[in-house]
N, C-alpha and C. Protein backbone atom coordinates (compact mmCIF):
# COMPACT_ATOMS: atom_id res chain seq x y z
N MET A 1 -45.75 -10.36 -108.05
CA MET A 1 -45.45 -10.93 -106.76
C MET A 1 -45.21 -12.42 -106.93
N THR A 2 -44.23 -12.93 -106.18
CA THR A 2 -43.96 -14.35 -106.25
C THR A 2 -45.02 -15.10 -105.46
N GLU A 3 -45.24 -16.35 -105.83
CA GLU A 3 -46.19 -17.18 -105.10
C GLU A 3 -45.58 -17.50 -103.74
N ARG A 4 -46.35 -17.24 -102.70
CA ARG A 4 -45.85 -17.43 -101.34
C ARG A 4 -46.18 -18.80 -100.81
N SER A 5 -45.24 -19.40 -100.07
CA SER A 5 -45.48 -20.67 -99.38
C SER A 5 -44.45 -20.82 -98.28
N ASP A 6 -44.82 -21.57 -97.27
CA ASP A 6 -43.89 -21.83 -96.16
C ASP A 6 -42.66 -22.58 -96.64
N ILE A 7 -42.85 -23.47 -97.61
CA ILE A 7 -41.72 -24.23 -98.14
C ILE A 7 -40.72 -23.29 -98.81
N ARG A 8 -41.22 -22.37 -99.64
CA ARG A 8 -40.32 -21.42 -100.29
C ARG A 8 -39.60 -20.55 -99.26
N ASP A 9 -40.36 -20.08 -98.26
CA ASP A 9 -39.73 -19.25 -97.22
C ASP A 9 -38.59 -20.01 -96.54
N ALA A 10 -38.86 -21.24 -96.11
CA ALA A 10 -37.85 -22.03 -95.41
C ALA A 10 -36.67 -22.36 -96.33
N ALA A 11 -36.96 -22.68 -97.58
CA ALA A 11 -35.88 -23.01 -98.52
C ALA A 11 -34.98 -21.82 -98.76
N VAL A 12 -35.58 -20.64 -98.94
CA VAL A 12 -34.77 -19.44 -99.17
C VAL A 12 -33.90 -19.15 -97.96
N ARG A 13 -34.46 -19.28 -96.77
CA ARG A 13 -33.65 -19.06 -95.56
C ARG A 13 -32.46 -20.03 -95.51
N ALA A 14 -32.71 -21.28 -95.91
CA ALA A 14 -31.63 -22.28 -95.93
C ALA A 14 -30.61 -21.99 -97.02
N MET A 15 -31.03 -21.32 -98.08
CA MET A 15 -30.12 -21.01 -99.20
C MET A 15 -29.15 -19.87 -98.89
N LEU A 16 -29.52 -18.99 -97.98
CA LEU A 16 -28.73 -17.77 -97.78
C LEU A 16 -27.25 -18.02 -97.50
N PRO A 17 -26.89 -18.92 -96.57
CA PRO A 17 -25.46 -19.14 -96.35
C PRO A 17 -24.77 -19.76 -97.57
N LEU A 18 -25.51 -20.58 -98.30
CA LEU A 18 -24.95 -21.20 -99.50
C LEU A 18 -24.76 -20.17 -100.61
N ALA A 19 -25.75 -19.30 -100.78
CA ALA A 19 -25.68 -18.28 -101.83
C ALA A 19 -24.54 -17.30 -101.56
N ALA A 20 -24.23 -17.07 -100.29
CA ALA A 20 -23.12 -16.18 -99.95
C ALA A 20 -21.81 -16.70 -100.51
N ASP A 21 -21.63 -18.03 -100.49
CA ASP A 21 -20.38 -18.62 -100.97
C ASP A 21 -20.44 -19.08 -102.42
N GLU A 22 -21.57 -19.67 -102.80
CA GLU A 22 -21.68 -20.30 -104.12
C GLU A 22 -22.43 -19.47 -105.14
N GLY A 23 -23.14 -18.45 -104.69
CA GLY A 23 -23.98 -17.66 -105.59
C GLY A 23 -25.37 -18.27 -105.69
N TRP A 24 -26.23 -17.59 -106.41
CA TRP A 24 -27.60 -18.06 -106.62
C TRP A 24 -27.61 -18.88 -107.89
N ASN A 25 -27.68 -20.20 -107.75
CA ASN A 25 -27.67 -21.10 -108.90
C ASN A 25 -28.54 -22.30 -108.57
N TRP A 26 -28.69 -23.20 -109.55
CA TRP A 26 -29.56 -24.36 -109.35
C TRP A 26 -29.05 -25.25 -108.21
N GLY A 27 -27.75 -25.35 -108.07
CA GLY A 27 -27.19 -26.15 -106.98
C GLY A 27 -27.58 -25.59 -105.62
N THR A 28 -27.57 -24.28 -105.51
CA THR A 28 -27.97 -23.62 -104.26
C THR A 28 -29.44 -23.89 -103.98
N LEU A 29 -30.27 -23.80 -105.01
CA LEU A 29 -31.71 -24.04 -104.84
C LEU A 29 -31.95 -25.47 -104.36
N ARG A 30 -31.31 -26.43 -105.02
CA ARG A 30 -31.50 -27.84 -104.65
C ARG A 30 -30.99 -28.10 -103.22
N ALA A 31 -29.85 -27.52 -102.89
CA ALA A 31 -29.28 -27.72 -101.54
C ALA A 31 -30.18 -27.08 -100.48
N GLY A 32 -30.76 -25.95 -100.78
CA GLY A 32 -31.68 -25.30 -99.85
C GLY A 32 -32.91 -26.14 -99.61
N LEU A 33 -33.46 -26.72 -100.66
CA LEU A 33 -34.62 -27.60 -100.50
C LEU A 33 -34.25 -28.85 -99.71
N ALA A 34 -33.09 -29.42 -100.01
CA ALA A 34 -32.66 -30.63 -99.29
C ALA A 34 -32.46 -30.32 -97.81
N ALA A 35 -31.96 -29.14 -97.50
CA ALA A 35 -31.70 -28.76 -96.11
C ALA A 35 -32.97 -28.69 -95.26
N ILE A 36 -34.11 -28.46 -95.92
CA ILE A 36 -35.36 -28.41 -95.16
C ILE A 36 -36.18 -29.69 -95.31
N GLY A 37 -35.56 -30.71 -95.91
CA GLY A 37 -36.23 -32.01 -96.02
C GLY A 37 -37.13 -32.15 -97.23
N GLU A 38 -37.01 -31.26 -98.19
CA GLU A 38 -37.80 -31.35 -99.42
C GLU A 38 -36.98 -32.01 -100.52
N ASP A 39 -37.65 -32.58 -101.50
CA ASP A 39 -36.98 -33.23 -102.61
C ASP A 39 -36.30 -32.18 -103.49
N PRO A 40 -34.96 -32.24 -103.62
CA PRO A 40 -34.25 -31.26 -104.45
C PRO A 40 -34.68 -31.28 -105.91
N ALA A 41 -35.23 -32.41 -106.36
CA ALA A 41 -35.67 -32.51 -107.75
C ALA A 41 -36.86 -31.60 -108.04
N LEU A 42 -37.50 -31.07 -106.98
CA LEU A 42 -38.65 -30.18 -107.15
C LEU A 42 -38.26 -28.70 -107.20
N ALA A 43 -36.97 -28.45 -107.36
CA ALA A 43 -36.51 -27.06 -107.40
C ALA A 43 -37.23 -26.24 -108.47
N GLU A 44 -37.42 -26.82 -109.65
CA GLU A 44 -38.10 -26.09 -110.72
C GLU A 44 -39.56 -25.85 -110.41
N SER A 45 -40.18 -26.73 -109.65
CA SER A 45 -41.58 -26.53 -109.27
C SER A 45 -41.72 -25.39 -108.29
N HIS A 46 -40.80 -25.32 -107.35
CA HIS A 46 -40.87 -24.27 -106.34
C HIS A 46 -40.36 -22.92 -106.86
N PHE A 47 -39.37 -22.96 -107.74
CA PHE A 47 -38.77 -21.74 -108.28
C PHE A 47 -38.70 -21.84 -109.80
N PRO A 48 -39.84 -21.60 -110.48
CA PRO A 48 -39.94 -21.84 -111.94
C PRO A 48 -38.91 -21.10 -112.79
N SER A 49 -38.51 -19.92 -112.38
CA SER A 49 -37.49 -19.18 -113.15
C SER A 49 -36.10 -19.39 -112.58
N GLY A 50 -35.96 -20.40 -111.78
CA GLY A 50 -34.65 -20.75 -111.24
C GLY A 50 -34.15 -19.77 -110.19
N PRO A 51 -32.86 -19.51 -110.21
CA PRO A 51 -32.26 -18.65 -109.20
C PRO A 51 -32.90 -17.26 -109.11
N VAL A 52 -33.35 -16.73 -110.23
CA VAL A 52 -34.00 -15.42 -110.21
C VAL A 52 -35.30 -15.49 -109.41
N SER A 53 -36.03 -16.60 -109.52
CA SER A 53 -37.24 -16.79 -108.71
C SER A 53 -36.90 -16.83 -107.23
N ALA A 54 -35.81 -17.50 -106.88
CA ALA A 54 -35.41 -17.59 -105.48
C ALA A 54 -35.04 -16.21 -104.94
N VAL A 55 -34.33 -15.42 -105.71
CA VAL A 55 -33.96 -14.07 -105.29
C VAL A 55 -35.22 -13.21 -105.14
N ALA A 56 -36.13 -13.29 -106.09
CA ALA A 56 -37.37 -12.52 -106.00
C ALA A 56 -38.17 -12.93 -104.77
N HIS A 57 -38.16 -14.23 -104.47
CA HIS A 57 -38.88 -14.69 -103.29
C HIS A 57 -38.20 -14.19 -102.02
N TRP A 58 -36.87 -14.18 -102.00
CA TRP A 58 -36.16 -13.65 -100.83
C TRP A 58 -36.50 -12.18 -100.60
N ILE A 59 -36.56 -11.41 -101.67
CA ILE A 59 -36.91 -9.99 -101.55
C ILE A 59 -38.33 -9.84 -101.00
N ASP A 60 -39.25 -10.65 -101.50
CA ASP A 60 -40.63 -10.61 -101.00
C ASP A 60 -40.67 -11.00 -99.52
N LEU A 61 -39.93 -12.03 -99.14
CA LEU A 61 -39.87 -12.46 -97.75
C LEU A 61 -39.29 -11.35 -96.87
N ALA A 62 -38.22 -10.71 -97.33
CA ALA A 62 -37.62 -9.61 -96.58
C ALA A 62 -38.59 -8.44 -96.45
N ASN A 63 -39.38 -8.17 -97.49
CA ASN A 63 -40.40 -7.12 -97.41
C ASN A 63 -41.42 -7.44 -96.34
N ARG A 64 -41.91 -8.67 -96.32
CA ARG A 64 -42.90 -9.08 -95.33
C ARG A 64 -42.34 -8.99 -93.91
N GLU A 65 -41.10 -9.44 -93.74
CA GLU A 65 -40.48 -9.39 -92.42
C GLU A 65 -40.24 -7.95 -91.97
N MET A 66 -39.87 -7.07 -92.90
CA MET A 66 -39.67 -5.66 -92.59
C MET A 66 -40.98 -5.02 -92.16
N GLU A 67 -42.06 -5.30 -92.88
CA GLU A 67 -43.36 -4.75 -92.52
C GLU A 67 -43.80 -5.24 -91.14
N ALA A 68 -43.56 -6.51 -90.84
CA ALA A 68 -43.93 -7.05 -89.53
C ALA A 68 -43.11 -6.39 -88.42
N ALA A 69 -41.82 -6.18 -88.67
CA ALA A 69 -40.97 -5.54 -87.66
C ALA A 69 -41.40 -4.10 -87.42
N ALA A 70 -41.76 -3.39 -88.49
CA ALA A 70 -42.22 -2.00 -88.36
C ALA A 70 -43.55 -1.95 -87.62
N ALA A 71 -44.43 -2.91 -87.87
CA ALA A 71 -45.73 -2.94 -87.20
C ALA A 71 -45.57 -3.22 -85.71
N ALA A 72 -44.50 -3.92 -85.34
CA ALA A 72 -44.27 -4.24 -83.93
C ALA A 72 -43.77 -3.03 -83.14
N GLU A 73 -43.31 -2.01 -83.86
CA GLU A 73 -42.85 -0.78 -83.22
C GLU A 73 -43.91 0.29 -83.38
N ASP A 74 -43.81 1.34 -82.60
CA ASP A 74 -44.75 2.45 -82.71
C ASP A 74 -44.12 3.57 -83.55
N ILE A 75 -43.93 3.27 -84.85
CA ILE A 75 -43.30 4.29 -85.69
C ILE A 75 -44.30 5.35 -86.16
N ALA A 76 -45.59 5.12 -85.94
CA ALA A 76 -46.60 6.10 -86.34
C ALA A 76 -46.41 7.42 -85.59
N ALA A 77 -45.78 7.38 -84.42
CA ALA A 77 -45.55 8.59 -83.65
C ALA A 77 -44.43 9.45 -84.24
N LEU A 78 -43.65 8.87 -85.14
CA LEU A 78 -42.53 9.60 -85.75
C LEU A 78 -43.01 10.42 -86.94
N ARG A 79 -42.23 11.43 -87.28
CA ARG A 79 -42.49 12.18 -88.51
C ARG A 79 -42.15 11.28 -89.70
N VAL A 80 -42.70 11.61 -90.86
CA VAL A 80 -42.55 10.74 -92.03
C VAL A 80 -41.09 10.44 -92.37
N PRO A 81 -40.19 11.43 -92.44
CA PRO A 81 -38.80 11.07 -92.76
C PRO A 81 -38.18 10.10 -91.75
N ALA A 82 -38.51 10.27 -90.47
CA ALA A 82 -37.99 9.36 -89.44
C ALA A 82 -38.58 7.97 -89.59
N ARG A 83 -39.83 7.89 -90.03
CA ARG A 83 -40.43 6.58 -90.27
C ARG A 83 -39.72 5.86 -91.40
N ILE A 84 -39.48 6.59 -92.49
CA ILE A 84 -38.78 6.00 -93.64
C ILE A 84 -37.38 5.56 -93.22
N ARG A 85 -36.69 6.41 -92.48
CA ARG A 85 -35.35 6.06 -92.02
C ARG A 85 -35.40 4.77 -91.20
N ARG A 86 -36.37 4.67 -90.31
CA ARG A 86 -36.47 3.49 -89.45
C ARG A 86 -36.78 2.24 -90.25
N VAL A 87 -37.64 2.36 -91.22
CA VAL A 87 -37.99 1.20 -92.05
C VAL A 87 -36.77 0.73 -92.85
N VAL A 88 -36.03 1.67 -93.43
CA VAL A 88 -34.82 1.30 -94.17
C VAL A 88 -33.80 0.68 -93.21
N GLU A 89 -33.69 1.24 -92.01
CA GLU A 89 -32.77 0.67 -91.02
C GLU A 89 -33.16 -0.76 -90.67
N LEU A 90 -34.45 -1.00 -90.45
CA LEU A 90 -34.91 -2.36 -90.16
C LEU A 90 -34.52 -3.31 -91.28
N ARG A 91 -34.69 -2.85 -92.50
CA ARG A 91 -34.37 -3.68 -93.67
C ARG A 91 -32.88 -4.00 -93.73
N LEU A 92 -32.04 -2.97 -93.55
CA LEU A 92 -30.60 -3.18 -93.63
C LEU A 92 -30.12 -4.09 -92.49
N ARG A 93 -30.60 -3.86 -91.29
CA ARG A 93 -30.15 -4.66 -90.15
C ARG A 93 -30.57 -6.13 -90.30
N ALA A 94 -31.75 -6.37 -90.84
CA ALA A 94 -32.20 -7.74 -91.06
C ALA A 94 -31.38 -8.42 -92.15
N THR A 95 -30.91 -7.66 -93.12
CA THR A 95 -30.16 -8.21 -94.24
C THR A 95 -28.67 -8.32 -93.93
N ALA A 96 -28.20 -7.59 -92.94
CA ALA A 96 -26.76 -7.52 -92.64
C ALA A 96 -26.09 -8.89 -92.50
N PRO A 97 -26.69 -9.87 -91.82
CA PRO A 97 -26.01 -11.17 -91.72
C PRO A 97 -25.87 -11.88 -93.07
N HIS A 98 -26.61 -11.42 -94.06
CA HIS A 98 -26.61 -12.08 -95.38
C HIS A 98 -26.10 -11.12 -96.47
N LYS A 99 -25.22 -10.23 -96.08
CA LYS A 99 -24.76 -9.20 -97.02
C LYS A 99 -24.09 -9.81 -98.25
N ARG A 100 -23.30 -10.85 -98.08
CA ARG A 100 -22.65 -11.47 -99.23
C ARG A 100 -23.67 -12.14 -100.15
N ALA A 101 -24.70 -12.75 -99.58
CA ALA A 101 -25.77 -13.33 -100.41
C ALA A 101 -26.51 -12.23 -101.14
N LEU A 102 -26.68 -11.08 -100.50
CA LEU A 102 -27.33 -9.95 -101.15
C LEU A 102 -26.48 -9.44 -102.31
N ARG A 103 -25.19 -9.35 -102.11
CA ARG A 103 -24.30 -8.90 -103.20
C ARG A 103 -24.45 -9.83 -104.40
N ARG A 104 -24.48 -11.13 -104.14
CA ARG A 104 -24.66 -12.09 -105.24
C ARG A 104 -26.03 -11.96 -105.89
N ALA A 105 -27.05 -11.69 -105.08
CA ALA A 105 -28.40 -11.50 -105.62
C ALA A 105 -28.46 -10.26 -106.51
N LEU A 106 -27.86 -9.18 -106.04
CA LEU A 106 -27.87 -7.94 -106.83
C LEU A 106 -27.09 -8.12 -108.13
N SER A 107 -26.02 -8.90 -108.09
CA SER A 107 -25.26 -9.19 -109.32
C SER A 107 -26.12 -9.96 -110.32
N LEU A 108 -26.89 -10.90 -109.82
CA LEU A 108 -27.78 -11.67 -110.70
C LEU A 108 -28.86 -10.77 -111.29
N LEU A 109 -29.44 -9.91 -110.47
CA LEU A 109 -30.50 -9.02 -110.97
C LEU A 109 -29.96 -7.95 -111.92
N ALA A 110 -28.66 -7.67 -111.85
CA ALA A 110 -28.06 -6.66 -112.73
C ALA A 110 -27.87 -7.15 -114.16
N LEU A 111 -28.01 -8.45 -114.38
CA LEU A 111 -27.88 -8.96 -115.75
C LEU A 111 -29.03 -8.43 -116.60
N PRO A 112 -28.76 -8.02 -117.83
CA PRO A 112 -29.78 -7.36 -118.65
C PRO A 112 -31.09 -8.14 -118.78
N TRP A 113 -31.03 -9.46 -118.89
CA TRP A 113 -32.25 -10.24 -119.06
C TRP A 113 -33.06 -10.36 -117.77
N ASN A 114 -32.48 -9.91 -116.66
CA ASN A 114 -33.21 -9.93 -115.39
C ASN A 114 -33.74 -8.55 -115.00
N THR A 115 -33.62 -7.59 -115.91
CA THR A 115 -34.09 -6.22 -115.63
C THR A 115 -35.56 -6.17 -115.22
N PRO A 116 -36.48 -6.88 -115.89
CA PRO A 116 -37.88 -6.82 -115.45
C PRO A 116 -38.06 -7.26 -113.99
N THR A 117 -37.36 -8.31 -113.59
CA THR A 117 -37.46 -8.77 -112.20
C THR A 117 -36.85 -7.74 -111.26
N ALA A 118 -35.72 -7.16 -111.65
CA ALA A 118 -35.08 -6.14 -110.81
C ALA A 118 -36.00 -4.94 -110.61
N LEU A 119 -36.63 -4.48 -111.67
CA LEU A 119 -37.54 -3.34 -111.57
C LEU A 119 -38.77 -3.68 -110.73
N ARG A 120 -39.32 -4.85 -110.96
CA ARG A 120 -40.51 -5.27 -110.21
C ARG A 120 -40.20 -5.39 -108.72
N THR A 121 -39.08 -6.03 -108.37
CA THR A 121 -38.76 -6.21 -106.96
C THR A 121 -38.40 -4.88 -106.30
N THR A 122 -37.79 -3.98 -107.03
CA THR A 122 -37.50 -2.65 -106.48
C THR A 122 -38.81 -1.92 -106.18
N ALA A 123 -39.73 -1.96 -107.12
CA ALA A 123 -41.04 -1.32 -106.91
C ALA A 123 -41.77 -1.93 -105.72
N GLN A 124 -41.72 -3.25 -105.61
CA GLN A 124 -42.39 -3.91 -104.49
C GLN A 124 -41.74 -3.53 -103.16
N THR A 125 -40.42 -3.42 -103.16
CA THR A 125 -39.72 -3.07 -101.92
C THR A 125 -40.05 -1.66 -101.46
N VAL A 126 -39.99 -0.68 -102.37
CA VAL A 126 -40.27 0.69 -101.93
C VAL A 126 -41.75 0.85 -101.57
N ASP A 127 -42.62 0.12 -102.24
CA ASP A 127 -44.03 0.15 -101.86
C ASP A 127 -44.22 -0.44 -100.46
N ALA A 128 -43.54 -1.55 -100.18
CA ALA A 128 -43.62 -2.16 -98.85
C ALA A 128 -43.06 -1.21 -97.78
N MET A 129 -42.00 -0.50 -98.13
CA MET A 129 -41.42 0.46 -97.17
C MET A 129 -42.40 1.57 -96.86
N TRP A 130 -43.02 2.13 -97.89
CA TRP A 130 -44.00 3.19 -97.65
C TRP A 130 -45.21 2.65 -96.89
N HIS A 131 -45.63 1.45 -97.23
CA HIS A 131 -46.76 0.86 -96.52
C HIS A 131 -46.40 0.69 -95.04
N ALA A 132 -45.20 0.18 -94.77
CA ALA A 132 -44.75 -0.01 -93.38
C ALA A 132 -44.64 1.32 -92.65
N ALA A 133 -44.35 2.39 -93.39
CA ALA A 133 -44.24 3.72 -92.79
C ALA A 133 -45.61 4.38 -92.61
N GLY A 134 -46.67 3.72 -93.06
CA GLY A 134 -48.02 4.23 -92.86
C GLY A 134 -48.55 5.12 -93.97
N ASP A 135 -47.93 5.08 -95.13
CA ASP A 135 -48.40 5.91 -96.25
C ASP A 135 -49.75 5.42 -96.74
N ALA A 136 -50.69 6.34 -96.83
CA ALA A 136 -52.03 6.01 -97.33
C ALA A 136 -52.42 6.90 -98.51
N SER A 137 -51.42 7.53 -99.13
CA SER A 137 -51.72 8.44 -100.24
C SER A 137 -52.33 7.68 -101.41
N ALA A 138 -53.19 8.37 -102.14
CA ALA A 138 -53.83 7.77 -103.31
C ALA A 138 -53.80 8.71 -104.50
N ASP A 139 -53.03 9.76 -104.40
CA ASP A 139 -52.94 10.73 -105.48
C ASP A 139 -51.59 10.61 -106.18
N PHE A 140 -51.20 11.65 -106.88
CA PHE A 140 -49.94 11.62 -107.62
C PHE A 140 -48.75 11.43 -106.69
N SER A 141 -48.87 11.86 -105.43
CA SER A 141 -47.74 11.73 -104.50
C SER A 141 -47.41 10.26 -104.24
N TRP A 142 -48.37 9.35 -104.45
CA TRP A 142 -48.09 7.92 -104.29
C TRP A 142 -46.92 7.54 -105.20
N TYR A 143 -46.93 8.02 -106.44
CA TYR A 143 -45.88 7.70 -107.40
C TYR A 143 -44.59 8.42 -107.09
N THR A 144 -44.69 9.71 -106.78
CA THR A 144 -43.46 10.48 -106.54
C THR A 144 -42.75 10.00 -105.27
N ARG A 145 -43.50 9.64 -104.26
CA ARG A 145 -42.87 9.13 -103.03
C ARG A 145 -42.11 7.84 -103.31
N ARG A 146 -42.70 6.96 -104.07
CA ARG A 146 -42.04 5.69 -104.35
C ARG A 146 -40.84 5.87 -105.28
N ALA A 147 -40.96 6.73 -106.25
CA ALA A 147 -39.83 6.99 -107.15
C ALA A 147 -38.67 7.61 -106.39
N THR A 148 -38.98 8.55 -105.51
CA THR A 148 -37.93 9.19 -104.71
C THR A 148 -37.26 8.19 -103.80
N LEU A 149 -38.06 7.38 -103.12
CA LEU A 149 -37.49 6.38 -102.21
C LEU A 149 -36.68 5.34 -102.96
N ALA A 150 -37.09 5.00 -104.17
CA ALA A 150 -36.31 4.03 -104.96
C ALA A 150 -34.90 4.57 -105.19
N GLY A 151 -34.79 5.85 -105.51
CA GLY A 151 -33.48 6.45 -105.71
C GLY A 151 -32.66 6.51 -104.42
N VAL A 152 -33.32 6.93 -103.35
CA VAL A 152 -32.62 7.06 -102.05
C VAL A 152 -32.19 5.68 -101.54
N TYR A 153 -33.11 4.72 -101.57
CA TYR A 153 -32.78 3.38 -101.07
C TYR A 153 -31.73 2.72 -101.96
N GLY A 154 -31.86 2.86 -103.27
CA GLY A 154 -30.88 2.27 -104.19
C GLY A 154 -29.49 2.83 -103.96
N ALA A 155 -29.39 4.15 -103.76
CA ALA A 155 -28.09 4.77 -103.49
C ALA A 155 -27.53 4.30 -102.15
N THR A 156 -28.40 4.20 -101.15
CA THR A 156 -27.96 3.74 -99.83
C THR A 156 -27.47 2.30 -99.89
N LEU A 157 -28.20 1.47 -100.60
CA LEU A 157 -27.81 0.07 -100.75
C LEU A 157 -26.47 -0.03 -101.48
N ALA A 158 -26.29 0.74 -102.55
CA ALA A 158 -25.02 0.72 -103.28
C ALA A 158 -23.87 1.17 -102.39
N TYR A 159 -24.11 2.19 -101.57
CA TYR A 159 -23.09 2.68 -100.65
C TYR A 159 -22.73 1.58 -99.65
N TRP A 160 -23.74 0.92 -99.11
CA TRP A 160 -23.51 -0.13 -98.12
C TRP A 160 -22.79 -1.33 -98.72
N MET A 161 -23.02 -1.63 -99.99
CA MET A 161 -22.46 -2.83 -100.62
C MET A 161 -20.99 -2.68 -101.00
N ARG A 162 -20.42 -1.51 -100.78
CA ARG A 162 -19.06 -1.28 -101.26
C ARG A 162 -18.00 -2.11 -100.53
N ASP A 163 -18.34 -2.72 -99.38
CA ASP A 163 -17.41 -3.61 -98.68
C ASP A 163 -18.18 -4.75 -98.02
N ASP A 164 -17.45 -5.65 -97.39
CA ASP A 164 -18.10 -6.81 -96.77
C ASP A 164 -18.50 -6.58 -95.32
N ASP A 165 -18.23 -5.42 -94.78
CA ASP A 165 -18.56 -5.13 -93.39
C ASP A 165 -20.09 -5.13 -93.21
N PRO A 166 -20.62 -5.98 -92.32
CA PRO A 166 -22.07 -6.03 -92.15
C PRO A 166 -22.64 -4.86 -91.34
N GLU A 167 -21.79 -4.04 -90.74
CA GLU A 167 -22.28 -2.90 -89.96
C GLU A 167 -23.03 -1.93 -90.87
N VAL A 168 -24.09 -1.33 -90.34
CA VAL A 168 -24.92 -0.45 -91.16
C VAL A 168 -24.79 1.02 -90.77
N GLY A 169 -23.96 1.34 -89.78
CA GLY A 169 -23.85 2.72 -89.29
C GLY A 169 -23.50 3.72 -90.36
N ASP A 170 -22.47 3.44 -91.17
CA ASP A 170 -22.08 4.36 -92.23
C ASP A 170 -23.19 4.50 -93.27
N ALA A 171 -23.85 3.39 -93.58
CA ALA A 171 -24.94 3.44 -94.56
C ALA A 171 -26.09 4.28 -94.05
N LEU A 172 -26.37 4.21 -92.74
CA LEU A 172 -27.44 5.03 -92.16
C LEU A 172 -27.06 6.51 -92.17
N ASP A 173 -25.79 6.81 -91.96
CA ASP A 173 -25.33 8.21 -92.07
C ASP A 173 -25.53 8.69 -93.51
N PHE A 174 -25.18 7.84 -94.46
CA PHE A 174 -25.38 8.17 -95.88
C PHE A 174 -26.87 8.40 -96.16
N LEU A 175 -27.71 7.51 -95.62
CA LEU A 175 -29.16 7.64 -95.78
C LEU A 175 -29.65 8.96 -95.21
N ASP A 176 -29.16 9.33 -94.03
CA ASP A 176 -29.55 10.61 -93.41
C ASP A 176 -29.22 11.78 -94.33
N ARG A 177 -28.06 11.74 -94.96
CA ARG A 177 -27.68 12.83 -95.89
C ARG A 177 -28.61 12.86 -97.10
N ARG A 178 -28.98 11.70 -97.63
CA ARG A 178 -29.89 11.66 -98.79
C ARG A 178 -31.27 12.16 -98.40
N LEU A 179 -31.75 11.77 -97.21
CA LEU A 179 -33.07 12.25 -96.78
C LEU A 179 -33.05 13.76 -96.56
N ALA A 180 -31.93 14.28 -96.06
CA ALA A 180 -31.80 15.74 -95.90
C ALA A 180 -31.80 16.42 -97.27
N ASP A 181 -31.16 15.81 -98.26
CA ASP A 181 -31.17 16.37 -99.63
C ASP A 181 -32.59 16.42 -100.17
N VAL A 182 -33.36 15.35 -99.96
CA VAL A 182 -34.74 15.30 -100.44
C VAL A 182 -35.57 16.39 -99.75
N ALA A 183 -35.36 16.58 -98.45
CA ALA A 183 -36.10 17.62 -97.71
C ALA A 183 -35.76 19.01 -98.24
N ARG A 184 -34.47 19.26 -98.51
CA ARG A 184 -34.06 20.57 -99.07
C ARG A 184 -34.69 20.79 -100.43
N LEU A 185 -34.71 19.77 -101.25
CA LEU A 185 -35.31 19.88 -102.58
C LEU A 185 -36.80 20.20 -102.47
N GLY A 186 -37.49 19.54 -101.53
CA GLY A 186 -38.91 19.80 -101.32
C GLY A 186 -39.17 21.23 -100.89
N LYS A 187 -38.31 21.77 -100.02
CA LYS A 187 -38.46 23.17 -99.57
C LYS A 187 -38.27 24.13 -100.73
N ARG A 188 -37.26 23.88 -101.54
CA ARG A 188 -37.02 24.76 -102.70
C ARG A 188 -38.20 24.73 -103.67
N ARG A 189 -38.73 23.53 -103.87
CA ARG A 189 -39.86 23.39 -104.80
C ARG A 189 -41.08 24.15 -104.28
N ARG A 190 -41.33 24.07 -102.96
CA ARG A 190 -42.47 24.79 -102.38
C ARG A 190 -42.29 26.30 -102.47
N ARG A 191 -41.04 26.77 -102.26
CA ARG A 191 -40.78 28.22 -102.38
C ARG A 191 -40.97 28.71 -103.81
N ALA A 192 -40.61 27.86 -104.76
CA ALA A 192 -40.72 28.26 -106.17
C ALA A 192 -42.16 28.26 -106.65
N ALA A 193 -43.02 27.53 -105.97
CA ALA A 193 -44.42 27.42 -106.43
C ALA A 193 -45.23 28.64 -106.10
């Protein structure tokens, strides 16, 4: 987990429009800090691994905001698949205004030397999604649920990223089809047991 601070949160928010155009780089980090009145020379102090640290912090911030948005709704009344769908929808809708910055972030995380950060942030995101959906499992299903959601969310995100349109309707339809596939697989597995 990245070290949390109000300064990092504010700086990352200020970086998003810049990262959409310029990418995630040291210049973006310094400009984001300057935009909130902080000394740009402290970029390395706030984001020790540079742009990758800023992206990881943005993902953590988005996870926290998603959990808060889910907590503000009464999703506990929904069935588990509907809860997961709603949490993913909250995440996509919150990210939609920053879709180009997200594309640049995903490109940075796709570099081979950033694989550990990509895996860690993916694990943190799907864990936050399950937590927001009210998952309290402590057995083997804790792992299988997160692994399954990582695949479903990753595929949905890839589908959504195929163009610059910030609308999430098509991506949610895609998500619905993936969740239906997971449900069918679960039924087959139970019948075979």
